[in-house]
């Protein structure tokens, strides 16, 4: 005779698994216009959402200022945030939508 608690646990695990969402995934940026990422072996260019800061066209070198420290800080911040072709991003899938949460790098 099987243990009813073990059977109940199995049923709970099966039912819970059907309600779980997708895992976070690492995707590679393969194009910026239109924005296209590669998730696994699939290229995704529709139903993408991203923080607009990641795509701004900022040219820090063209900023005229005597504050070199400020300019260097801006360069560092933008390099950490802006996405470029070849960068890796963390993506959360919700239904058929893909949300790019941020840029990721290996350390």
PDB file of N, CA and C in Angstrom:
ATOM      1  N   UNK A   1       0.825  -1.176   0.000  1.00  0.00           N
ATOM      2  CA  UNK A   1       0.000   0.000   0.000  1.00  0.00           C
ATOM      3  C   UNK A   1       0.877   1.249   0.000  1.00  0.00           C
ATOM      4  N   UNK A   2       0.566   2.179  -0.882  1.00  0.00           N
ATOM      5  CA  UNK A   2       1.405   3.376  -0.983  1.00  0.00           C
ATOM      6  C   UNK A   2       1.030   4.406   0.091  1.00  0.00           C
ATOM      7  N   UNK A   3       1.982   5.198   0.399  1.00  0.00           N
ATOM      8  CA  UNK A   3       1.794   6.233   1.404  1.00  0.00           C
ATOM      9  C   UNK A   3       0.930   7.355   0.814  1.00  0.00           C
ATOM     10  N   UNK A   4      -0.208   7.695   1.412  1.00  0.00           N
ATOM     11  CA  UNK A   4      -1.086   8.730   0.848  1.00  0.00           C
ATOM     12  C   UNK A   4      -0.432  10.112   0.811  1.00  0.00           C
ATOM     13  N   UNK A   5       0.499  10.365   1.711  1.00  0.00           N
ATOM     14  CA  UNK A   5       1.179  11.656   1.727  1.00  0.00           C
ATOM     15  C   UNK A   5       2.125  11.788   0.538  1.00  0.00           C
ATOM     16  N   UNK A   6       2.766  10.695   0.188  1.00  0.00           N
ATOM     17  CA  UNK A   6       3.634  10.695  -0.989  1.00  0.00           C
ATOM     18  C   UNK A   6       2.810  10.934  -2.247  1.00  0.00           C
ATOM     19  N   UNK A   7       1.670  10.275  -2.342  1.00  0.00           N
ATOM     20  CA  UNK A   7       0.782  10.449  -3.499  1.00  0.00           C
ATOM     21  C   UNK A   7       0.266  11.890  -3.582  1.00  0.00           C
ATOM     22  N   UNK A   8      -0.108  12.454  -2.447  1.00  0.00           N
ATOM     23  CA  UNK A   8      -0.587  13.830  -2.406  1.00  0.00           C
ATOM     24  C   UNK A   8       0.516  14.803  -2.828  1.00  0.00           C
ATOM     25  N   UNK A   9       1.730  14.542  -2.383  1.00  0.00           N
ATOM     26  CA  UNK A   9       2.862  15.387  -2.762  1.00  0.00           C
ATOM     27  C   UNK A   9       3.101  15.337  -4.262  1.00  0.00           C
ATOM     28  N   UNK A  10       3.024  14.165  -4.866  1.00  0.00           N
ATOM     29  CA  UNK A  10       3.210  14.032  -6.315  1.00  0.00           C
ATOM     30  C   UNK A  10       2.145  14.818  -7.076  1.00  0.00           C
ATOM     31  N   UNK A  11       0.905  14.708  -6.633  1.00  0.00           N
ATOM     32  CA  UNK A  11      -0.184  15.436  -7.285  1.00  0.00           C
ATOM     33  C   UNK A  11       0.046  16.940  -7.181  1.00  0.00           C
ATOM     34  N   UNK A  12       0.466  17.404  -6.004  1.00  0.00           N
ATOM     35  CA  UNK A  12       0.720  18.834  -5.809  1.00  0.00           C
ATOM     36  C   UNK A  12       1.859  19.312  -6.708  1.00  0.00           C
ATOM     37  N   UNK A  13       2.906  18.529  -6.839  1.00  0.00           N
ATOM     38  CA  UNK A  13       4.023  18.895  -7.707  1.00  0.00           C
ATOM     39  C   UNK A  13       3.586  18.983  -9.165  1.00  0.00           C
ATOM     40  N   UNK A  14       2.796  18.020  -9.614  1.00  0.00           N
ATOM     41  CA  UNK A  14       2.328  18.023 -10.998  1.00  0.00           C
ATOM     42  C   UNK A  14       1.434  19.227 -11.269  1.00  0.00           C
ATOM     43  N   UNK A  15       0.500  19.492 -10.398  1.00  0.00           N
ATOM     44  CA  UNK A  15      -0.420  20.622 -10.580  1.00  0.00           C
ATOM     45  C   UNK A  15       0.331  21.948 -10.509  1.00  0.00           C
ATOM     46  N   UNK A  16       1.270  22.044  -9.601  1.00  0.00           N
ATOM     47  CA  UNK A  16       2.057  23.278  -9.465  1.00  0.00           C
ATOM     48  C   UNK A  16       2.914  23.539 -10.687  1.00  0.00           C
ATOM     49  N   UNK A  17       3.464  22.487 -11.266  1.00  0.00           N
ATOM     50  CA  UNK A  17       4.322  22.637 -12.443  1.00  0.00           C
ATOM     51  C   UNK A  17       3.562  23.199 -13.627  1.00  0.00           C
ATOM     52  N   UNK A  18       2.288  22.873 -13.750  1.00  0.00           N
ATOM     53  CA  UNK A  18       1.515  23.378 -14.884  1.00  0.00           C
ATOM     54  C   UNK A  18       1.248  24.870 -14.765  1.00  0.00           C
ATOM     55  N   UNK A  19       1.311  25.412 -13.554  1.00  0.00           N
ATOM     56  CA  UNK A  19       1.046  26.835 -13.346  1.00  0.00           C
ATOM     57  C   UNK A  19       2.317  27.681 -13.334  1.00  0.00           C
ATOM     58  N   UNK A  20       3.468  27.046 -13.290  1.00  0.00           N
ATOM     59  CA  UNK A  20       4.723  27.793 -13.267  1.00  0.00           C
ATOM     60  C   UNK A  20       4.933  28.516 -14.583  1.00  0.00           C
ATOM     61  N   UNK A  21       5.501  29.698 -14.492  1.00  0.00           N
ATOM     62  CA  UNK A  21       5.825  30.461 -15.687  1.00  0.00           C
ATOM     63  C   UNK A  21       7.146  30.007 -16.277  1.00  0.00           C
ATOM     64  N   UNK A  22       7.615  30.778 -17.222  1.00  0.00           N
ATOM     65  CA  UNK A  22       8.893  30.485 -17.857  1.00  0.00           C
ATOM     66  C   UNK A  22      10.033  30.959 -16.970  1.00  0.00           C
ATOM     67  N   UNK A  23      11.174  30.319 -17.121  1.00  0.00           N
ATOM     68  CA  UNK A  23      12.363  30.739 -16.396  1.00  0.00           C
ATOM     69  C   UNK A  23      12.950  31.978 -17.058  1.00  0.00           C
ATOM     70  N   UNK A  24      13.772  32.706 -16.312  1.00  0.00           N
ATOM     71  CA  UNK A  24      14.555  33.785 -16.915  1.00  0.00           C
ATOM     72  C   UNK A  24      15.548  33.149 -17.867  1.00  0.00           C
ATOM     73  N   UNK A  25      15.813  33.825 -18.976  1.00  0.00           N
ATOM     74  CA  UNK A  25      16.760  33.292 -19.948  1.00  0.00           C
ATOM     75  C   UNK A  25      17.751  34.362 -20.352  1.00  0.00           C
ATOM     76  N   UNK A  26      18.922  33.929 -20.752  1.00  0.00           N
ATOM     77  CA  UNK A  26      19.912  34.835 -21.308  1.00  0.00           C
ATOM     78  C   UNK A  26      19.776  34.776 -22.821  1.00  0.00           C
ATOM     79  N   UNK A  27      19.662  35.951 -23.439  1.00  0.00           N
ATOM     80  CA  UNK A  27      19.527  36.042 -24.890  1.00  0.00           C
ATOM     81  C   UNK A  27      20.642  36.929 -25.430  1.00  0.00           C
ATOM     82  N   UNK A  28      20.928  36.765 -26.711  1.00  0.00           N
ATOM     83  CA  UNK A  28      21.966  37.565 -27.350  1.00  0.00           C
ATOM     84  C   UNK A  28      21.309  38.583 -28.277  1.00  0.00           C
ATOM     85  N   UNK A  29      21.765  39.832 -28.209  1.00  0.00           N
ATOM     86  CA  UNK A  29      21.263  40.879 -29.101  1.00  0.00           C
ATOM     87  C   UNK A  29      21.909  40.667 -30.460  1.00  0.00           C
ATOM     88  N   UNK A  30      21.084  40.460 -31.494  1.00  0.00           N
ATOM     89  CA  UNK A  30      21.649  40.235 -32.829  1.00  0.00           C
ATOM     90  C   UNK A  30      21.346  41.376 -33.788  1.00  0.00           C
ATOM     91  N   UNK A  31      20.448  42.298 -33.392  1.00  0.00           N
ATOM     92  CA  UNK A  31      20.167  43.463 -34.231  1.00  0.00           C
ATOM     93  C   UNK A  31      19.527  44.528 -33.355  1.00  0.00           C
ATOM     94  N   UNK A  32      19.795  45.807 -33.672  1.00  0.00           N
ATOM     95  CA  UNK A  32      19.188  46.890 -32.910  1.00  0.00           C
ATOM     96  C   UNK A  32      18.012  47.532 -33.636  1.00  0.00           C
ATOM     97  N   UNK A  33      18.008  47.473 -34.951  1.00  0.00           N
ATOM     98  CA  UNK A  33      16.922  48.098 -35.708  1.00  0.00           C
ATOM     99  C   UNK A  33      16.502  47.191 -36.847  1.00  0.00           C
ATOM    100  N   UNK A  34      15.432  46.436 -36.699  1.00  0.00           N
ATOM    101  CA  UNK A  34      14.601  46.340 -35.506  1.00  0.00           C
ATOM    102  C   UNK A  34      15.298  45.518 -34.431  1.00  0.00           C
ATOM    103  N   UNK A  35      14.951  45.804 -33.188  1.00  0.00           N
ATOM    104  CA  UNK A  35      15.548  45.068 -32.073  1.00  0.00           C
ATOM    105  C   UNK A  35      15.223  43.588 -32.225  1.00  0.00           C
ATOM    106  N   UNK A  36      16.270  42.773 -32.244  1.00  0.00           N
ATOM    107  CA  UNK A  36      16.121  41.329 -32.397  1.00  0.00           C
ATOM    108  C   UNK A  36      17.073  40.645 -31.428  1.00  0.00           C
ATOM    109  N   UNK A  37      16.542  39.658 -30.723  1.00  0.00           N
ATOM    110  CA  UNK A  37      17.364  38.874 -29.803  1.00  0.00           C
ATOM    111  C   UNK A  37      17.262  37.408 -30.180  1.00  0.00           C
ATOM    112  N   UNK A  38      18.276  36.656 -29.811  1.00  0.00           N
ATOM    113  CA  UNK A  38      18.263  35.215 -30.025  1.00  0.00           C
ATOM    114  C   UNK A  38      18.073  34.547 -28.669  1.00  0.00           C
ATOM    115  N   UNK A  39      16.925  33.886 -28.529  1.00  0.00           N
ATOM    116  CA  UNK A  39      16.606  33.147 -27.309  1.00  0.00           C
ATOM    117  C   UNK A  39      16.711  31.675 -27.669  1.00  0.00           C
ATOM    118  N   UNK A  40      17.732  31.022 -27.137  1.00  0.00           N
ATOM    119  CA  UNK A  40      17.989  29.638 -27.552  1.00  0.00           C
ATOM    120  C   UNK A  40      18.373  29.646 -29.022  1.00  0.00           C
ATOM    121  N   UNK A  41      17.610  28.971 -29.845  1.00  0.00           N
ATOM    122  CA  UNK A  41      17.871  28.926 -31.286  1.00  0.00           C
ATOM    123  C   UNK A  41      16.877  29.779 -32.076  1.00  0.00           C
ATOM    124  N   UNK A  42      16.045  30.566 -31.372  1.00  0.00           N
ATOM    125  CA  UNK A  42      14.963  31.312 -32.020  1.00  0.00           C
ATOM    126  C   UNK A  42      15.266  32.808 -32.007  1.00  0.00           C
ATOM    127  N   UNK A  43      15.145  33.450 -33.164  1.00  0.00           N
ATOM    128  CA  UNK A  43      15.274  34.905 -33.264  1.00  0.00           C
ATOM    129  C   UNK A  43      13.928  35.531 -32.937  1.00  0.00           C
ATOM    130  N   UNK A  44      13.923  36.489 -32.022  1.00  0.00           N
ATOM    131  CA  UNK A  44      12.686  37.144 -31.599  1.00  0.00           C
ATOM    132  C   UNK A  44      12.807  38.639 -31.896  1.00  0.00           C
ATOM    133  N   UNK A  45      11.846  39.166 -32.678  1.00  0.00           N
ATOM    134  CA  UNK A  45      11.855  40.596 -32.985  1.00  0.00           C
ATOM    135  C   UNK A  45      10.468  41.223 -32.806  1.00  0.00           C
ATOM    136  N   UNK A  46       9.511  40.448 -32.332  1.00  0.00           N
ATOM    137  CA  UNK A  46       8.168  40.970 -32.063  1.00  0.00           C
ATOM    138  C   UNK A  46       7.815  40.691 -30.611  1.00  0.00           C
ATOM    139  N   UNK A  47       6.875  41.459 -30.108  1.00  0.00           N
ATOM    140  CA  UNK A  47       6.434  41.313 -28.717  1.00  0.00           C
ATOM    141  C   UNK A  47       7.584  41.476 -27.730  1.00  0.00           C
ATOM    142  N   UNK A  48       8.496  42.403 -28.049  1.00  0.00           N
ATOM    143  CA  UNK A  48       9.627  42.699 -27.178  1.00  0.00           C
ATOM    144  C   UNK A  48       9.362  43.995 -26.426  1.00  0.00           C
ATOM    145  N   UNK A  49       9.695  44.020 -25.161  1.00  0.00           N
ATOM    146  CA  UNK A  49       9.623  45.247 -24.366  1.00  0.00           C
ATOM    147  C   UNK A  49      10.976  45.460 -23.708  1.00  0.00           C
ATOM    148  N   UNK A  50      11.405  46.717 -23.694  1.00  0.00           N
ATOM    149  CA  UNK A  50      12.725  47.042 -23.166  1.00  0.00           C
ATOM    150  C   UNK A  50      12.682  48.438 -22.556  1.00  0.00           C
ATOM    151  N   UNK A  51      13.495  48.668 -21.553  1.00  0.00           N
ATOM    152  CA  UNK A  51      13.653  50.001 -20.993  1.00  0.00           C
ATOM    153  C   UNK A  51      14.271  50.882 -22.077  1.00  0.00           C
ATOM    154  N   UNK A  52      13.642  52.021 -22.367  1.00  0.00           N
ATOM    155  CA  UNK A  52      14.112  52.874 -23.461  1.00  0.00           C
ATOM    156  C   UNK A  52      15.526  53.390 -23.235  1.00  0.00           C
ATOM    157  N   UNK A  53      15.969  53.459 -22.006  1.00  0.00           N
ATOM    158  CA  UNK A  53      17.330  53.905 -21.726  1.00  0.00           C
ATOM    159  C   UNK A  53      18.358  52.989 -22.391  1.00  0.00           C
ATOM    160  N   UNK A  54      18.018  51.713 -22.546  1.00  0.00           N
ATOM    161  CA  UNK A  54      18.950  50.763 -23.143  1.00  0.00           C
ATOM    162  C   UNK A  54      19.182  51.028 -24.629  1.00  0.00           C
ATOM    163  N   UNK A  55      18.313  51.833 -25.243  1.00  0.00           N
ATOM    164  CA  UNK A  55      18.387  52.045 -26.689  1.00  0.00           C
ATOM    165  C   UNK A  55      18.674  53.487 -27.090  1.00  0.00           C
ATOM    166  N   UNK A  56      18.911  54.385 -26.132  1.00  0.00           N
ATOM    167  CA  UNK A  56      19.094  55.787 -26.505  1.00  0.00           C
ATOM    168  C   UNK A  56      20.349  55.951 -27.354  1.00  0.00           C
ATOM    169  N   UNK A  57      20.294  56.934 -28.216  1.00  0.00           N
ATOM    170  CA  UNK A  57      21.418  57.224 -29.103  1.00  0.00           C
ATOM    171  C   UNK A  57      22.217  58.368 -28.500  1.00  0.00           C
ATOM    172  N   UNK A  58      23.000  58.066 -27.491  1.00  0.00           N
ATOM    173  CA  UNK A  58      23.780  59.083 -26.790  1.00  0.00           C
ATOM    174  C   UNK A  58      25.239  59.001 -27.218  1.00  0.00           C
ATOM    175  N   UNK A  59      25.764  60.147 -27.581  1.00  0.00           N
ATOM    176  CA  UNK A  59      27.170  60.229 -27.963  1.00  0.00           C
ATOM    177  C   UNK A  59      27.892  61.107 -26.941  1.00  0.00           C
ATOM    178  N   UNK A  60      28.413  60.468 -25.916  1.00  0.00           N
ATOM    179  CA  UNK A  60      29.045  61.188 -24.813  1.00  0.00           C
ATOM    180  C   UNK A  60      30.255  61.958 -25.294  1.00  0.00           C
ATOM    181  N   UNK A  61      30.962  61.443 -26.293  1.00  0.00           N
ATOM    182  CA  UNK A  61      32.156  62.131 -26.781  1.00  0.00           C
ATOM    183  C   UNK A  61      31.831  63.494 -27.376  1.00  0.00           C
ATOM    184  N   UNK A  62      30.589  63.703 -27.792  1.00  0.00           N
ATOM    185  CA  UNK A  62      30.198  64.980 -28.382  1.00  0.00           C
ATOM    186  C   UNK A  62      29.773  66.011 -27.340  1.00  0.00           C
ATOM    187  N   UNK A  63      29.687  65.605 -26.074  1.00  0.00           N
ATOM    188  CA  UNK A  63      29.338  66.545 -25.011  1.00  0.00           C
ATOM    189  C   UNK A  63      30.548  67.427 -24.726  1.00  0.00           C
ATOM    190  N   UNK A  64      30.311  68.726 -24.760  1.00  0.00           N
ATOM    191  CA  UNK A  64      31.392  69.679 -24.506  1.00  0.00           C
ATOM    192  C   UNK A  64      31.309  70.115 -23.050  1.00  0.00           C
ATOM    193  N   UNK A  65      32.331  69.779 -22.310  1.00  0.00           N
ATOM    194  CA  UNK A  65      32.399  70.169 -20.899  1.00  0.00           C
ATOM    195  C   UNK A  65      33.847  70.123 -20.443  1.00  0.00           C
ATOM    196  N   UNK A  66      34.126  70.950 -19.459  1.00  0.00           N
ATOM    197  CA  UNK A  66      35.465  70.937 -18.866  1.00  0.00           C
ATOM    198  C   UNK A  66      35.565  69.903 -17.753  1.00  0.00           C
ATOM    199  N   UNK A  67      34.436  69.350 -17.373  1.00  0.00           N
ATOM    200  CA  UNK A  67      34.375  68.356 -16.305  1.00  0.00           C
ATOM    201  C   UNK A  67      34.694  66.975 -16.861  1.00  0.00           C
ATOM    202  N   UNK A  68      35.950  66.641 -16.957  1.00  0.00           N
ATOM    203  CA  UNK A  68      36.337  65.353 -17.526  1.00  0.00           C
ATOM    204  C   UNK A  68      35.875  64.191 -16.648  1.00  0.00           C
ATOM    205  N   UNK A  69      35.833  64.406 -15.340  1.00  0.00           N
ATOM    206  CA  UNK A  69      35.359  63.364 -14.427  1.00  0.00           C
ATOM    207  C   UNK A  69      33.902  63.025 -14.690  1.00  0.00           C
ATOM    208  N   UNK A  70      33.091  64.055 -14.925  1.00  0.00           N
ATOM    209  CA  UNK A  70      31.680  63.857 -15.226  1.00  0.00           C
ATOM    210  C   UNK A  70      31.513  63.104 -16.541  1.00  0.00           C
ATOM    211  N   UNK A  71      32.302  63.501 -17.528  1.00  0.00           N
ATOM    212  CA  UNK A  71      32.218  62.853 -18.839  1.00  0.00           C
ATOM    213  C   UNK A  71      32.609  61.379 -18.743  1.00  0.00           C
ATOM    214  N   UNK A  72      33.629  61.067 -17.991  1.00  0.00           N
ATOM    215  CA  UNK A  72      34.062  59.681 -17.819  1.00  0.00           C
ATOM    216  C   UNK A  72      33.014  58.876 -17.056  1.00  0.00           C
ATOM    217  N   UNK A  73      32.376  59.498 -16.063  1.00  0.00           N
ATOM    218  CA  UNK A  73      31.321  58.815 -15.317  1.00  0.00           C
ATOM    219  C   UNK A  73      30.141  58.503 -16.238  1.00  0.00           C
ATOM    220  N   UNK A  74      29.758  59.467 -17.080  1.00  0.00           N
ATOM    221  CA  UNK A  74      28.675  59.234 -18.036  1.00  0.00           C
ATOM    222  C   UNK A  74      29.018  58.106 -18.999  1.00  0.00           C
ATOM    223  N   UNK A  75      30.245  58.070 -19.472  1.00  0.00           N
ATOM    224  CA  UNK A  75      30.681  56.985 -20.368  1.00  0.00           C
ATOM    225  C   UNK A  75      30.533  55.632 -19.694  1.00  0.00           C
ATOM    226  N   UNK A  76      30.957  55.546 -18.434  1.00  0.00           N
ATOM    227  CA  UNK A  76      30.875  54.278 -17.702  1.00  0.00           C
ATOM    228  C   UNK A  76      29.434  53.847 -17.502  1.00  0.00           C
ATOM    229  N   UNK A  77      28.571  54.794 -17.144  1.00  0.00           N
ATOM    230  CA  UNK A  77      27.160  54.473 -16.920  1.00  0.00           C
ATOM    231  C   UNK A  77      26.516  53.995 -18.213  1.00  0.00           C
ATOM    232  N   UNK A  78      26.743  54.721 -19.297  1.00  0.00           N
ATOM    233  CA  UNK A  78      26.134  54.340 -20.572  1.00  0.00           C
ATOM    234  C   UNK A  78      26.658  53.005 -21.071  1.00  0.00           C
ATOM    235  N   UNK A  79      27.941  52.742 -20.873  1.00  0.00           N
ATOM    236  CA  UNK A  79      28.492  51.448 -21.299  1.00  0.00           C
ATOM    237  C   UNK A  79      27.836  50.304 -20.535  1.00  0.00           C
ATOM    238  N   UNK A  80      27.494  50.544 -19.283  1.00  0.00           N
ATOM    239  CA  UNK A  80      26.863  49.505 -18.465  1.00  0.00           C
ATOM    240  C   UNK A  80      25.399  49.299 -18.825  1.00  0.00           C
ATOM    241  N   UNK A  81      24.740  50.313 -19.386  1.00  0.00           N
ATOM    242  CA  UNK A  81      23.296  50.249 -19.611  1.00  0.00           C
ATOM    243  C   UNK A  81      22.930  50.004 -21.070  1.00  0.00           C
ATOM    244  N   UNK A  82      23.579  50.694 -21.990  1.00  0.00           N
ATOM    245  CA  UNK A  82      23.216  50.593 -23.406  1.00  0.00           C
ATOM    246  C   UNK A  82      23.493  49.198 -23.948  1.00  0.00           C
ATOM    247  N   UNK A  83      22.575  48.706 -24.777  1.00  0.00           N
ATOM    248  CA  UNK A  83      22.803  47.404 -25.400  1.00  0.00           C
ATOM    249  C   UNK A  83      23.286  47.608 -26.828  1.00  0.00           C
ATOM    250  N   UNK A  84      24.164  46.727 -27.231  1.00  0.00           N
ATOM    251  CA  UNK A  84      24.735  46.744 -28.573  1.00  0.00           C
ATOM    252  C   UNK A  84      24.653  45.333 -29.141  1.00  0.00           C
ATOM    253  N   UNK A  85      24.806  45.245 -30.453  1.00  0.00           N
ATOM    254  CA  UNK A  85      24.821  43.933 -31.095  1.00  0.00           C
ATOM    255  C   UNK A  85      25.944  43.108 -30.474  1.00  0.00           C
ATOM    256  N   UNK A  86      25.623  41.882 -30.101  1.00  0.00           N
ATOM    257  CA  UNK A  86      26.594  40.993 -29.473  1.00  0.00           C
ATOM    258  C   UNK A  86      26.480  40.945 -27.956  1.00  0.00           C
ATOM    259  N   UNK A  87      25.771  41.910 -27.364  1.00  0.00           N
ATOM    260  CA  UNK A  87      25.586  41.905 -25.912  1.00  0.00           C
ATOM    261  C   UNK A  87      24.616  40.797 -25.499  1.00  0.00           C
ATOM    262  N   UNK A  88      24.705  40.430 -24.242  1.00  0.00           N
ATOM    263  CA  UNK A  88      23.775  39.458 -23.676  1.00  0.00           C
ATOM    264  C   UNK A  88      22.826  40.188 -22.729  1.00  0.00           C
ATOM    265  N   UNK A  89      21.564  39.789 -22.770  1.00  0.00           N
ATOM    266  CA  UNK A  89      20.536  40.402 -21.936  1.00  0.00           C
ATOM    267  C   UNK A  89      19.763  39.305 -21.212  1.00  0.00           C
ATOM    268  N   UNK A  90      19.192  39.674 -20.075  1.00  0.00           N
ATOM    269  CA  UNK A  90      18.348  38.736 -19.341  1.00  0.00           C
ATOM    270  C   UNK A  90      16.904  39.018 -19.753  1.00  0.00           C
ATOM    271  N   UNK A  91      16.179  37.941 -20.083  1.00  0.00           N
ATOM    272  CA  UNK A  91      14.832  38.068 -20.640  1.00  0.00           C
ATOM    273  C   UNK A  91      13.840  37.258 -19.807  1.00  0.00           C
ATOM    274  N   UNK A  92      12.691  37.854 -19.553  1.00  0.00           N
ATOM    275  CA  UNK A  92      11.585  37.147 -18.900  1.00  0.00           C
ATOM    276  C   UNK A  92      10.464  37.026 -19.918  1.00  0.00           C
ATOM    277  N   UNK A  93      10.043  35.809 -20.155  1.00  0.00           N
ATOM    278  CA  UNK A  93       8.924  35.572 -21.068  1.00  0.00           C
ATOM    279  C   UNK A  93       7.642  35.490 -20.254  1.00  0.00           C
ATOM    280  N   UNK A  94       6.627  36.208 -20.701  1.00  0.00           N
ATOM    281  CA  UNK A  94       5.300  36.155 -20.094  1.00  0.00           C
ATOM    282  C   UNK A  94       4.319  35.950 -21.241  1.00  0.00           C
ATOM    283  N   UNK A  95       3.791  34.744 -21.337  1.00  0.00           N
ATOM    284  CA  UNK A  95       2.929  34.419 -22.478  1.00  0.00           C
ATOM    285  C   UNK A  95       3.747  34.491 -23.758  1.00  0.00           C
ATOM    286  N   UNK A  96       3.297  35.321 -24.693  1.00  0.00           N
ATOM    287  CA  UNK A  96       4.024  35.508 -25.949  1.00  0.00           C
ATOM    288  C   UNK A  96       4.867  36.774 -25.953  1.00  0.00           C
ATOM    289  N   UNK A  97       5.016  37.414 -24.810  1.00  0.00           N
ATOM    290  CA  UNK A  97       5.789  38.653 -24.715  1.00  0.00           C
ATOM    291  C   UNK A  97       7.132  38.381 -24.061  1.00  0.00           C
ATOM    292  N   UNK A  98       8.130  39.124 -24.508  1.00  0.00           N
ATOM    293  CA  UNK A  98       9.480  39.005 -23.972  1.00  0.00           C
ATOM    294  C   UNK A  98       9.891  40.352 -23.395  1.00  0.00           C
ATOM    295  N   UNK A  99      10.274  40.355 -22.132  1.00  0.00           N
ATOM    296  CA  UNK A  99      10.686  41.572 -21.445  1.00  0.00           C
ATOM    297  C   UNK A  99      12.185  41.510 -21.192  1.00  0.00           C
ATOM    298  N   UNK A 100      12.900  42.446 -21.796  1.00  0.00           N
ATOM    299  CA  UNK A 100      14.343  42.524 -21.578  1.00  0.00           C
ATOM    300  C   UNK A 100      14.548  43.297 -20.285  1.00  0.00           C
ATOM    301  N   UNK A 101      15.096  42.622 -19.288  1.00  0.00           N
ATOM    302  CA  UNK A 101      15.219  43.197 -17.953  1.00  0.00           C
ATOM    303  C   UNK A 101      16.518  43.967 -17.766  1.00  0.00           C
ATOM    304  N   UNK A 102      17.545  43.573 -18.483  1.00  0.00           N
ATOM    305  CA  UNK A 102      18.824  44.259 -18.326  1.00  0.00           C
ATOM    306  C   UNK A 102      19.914  43.572 -19.100  1.00  0.00           C
ATOM    307  N   UNK A 103      21.024  44.258 -19.172  1.00  0.00           N
ATOM    308  CA  UNK A 103      22.217  43.741 -19.826  1.00  0.00           C
ATOM    309  C   UNK A 103      22.978  42.900 -18.805  1.00  0.00           C
ATOM    310  N   UNK A 104      23.555  41.806 -19.244  1.00  0.00           N
ATOM    311  CA  UNK A 104      24.332  40.964 -18.337  1.00  0.00           C
ATOM    312  C   UNK A 104      25.723  40.726 -18.909  1.00  0.00           C
ATOM    313  N   UNK A 105      26.675  40.566 -18.007  1.00  0.00           N
ATOM    314  CA  UNK A 105      28.054  40.277 -18.403  1.00  0.00           C
ATOM    315  C   UNK A 105      28.601  39.189 -17.493  1.00  0.00           C
ATOM    316  N   UNK A 106      29.535  38.432 -18.008  1.00  0.00           N
ATOM    317  CA  UNK A 106      30.203  37.426 -17.175  1.00  0.00           C
ATOM    318  C   UNK A 106      31.233  38.111 -16.313  1.00  0.00           C
ATOM    319  N   UNK A 107      31.386  37.594 -15.090  1.00  0.00           N
ATOM    320  CA  UNK A 107      32.431  38.164 -14.218  1.00  0.00           C
ATOM    321  C   UNK A 107      33.315  37.053 -13.726  1.00  0.00           C
TER     322      UNK A 107
END
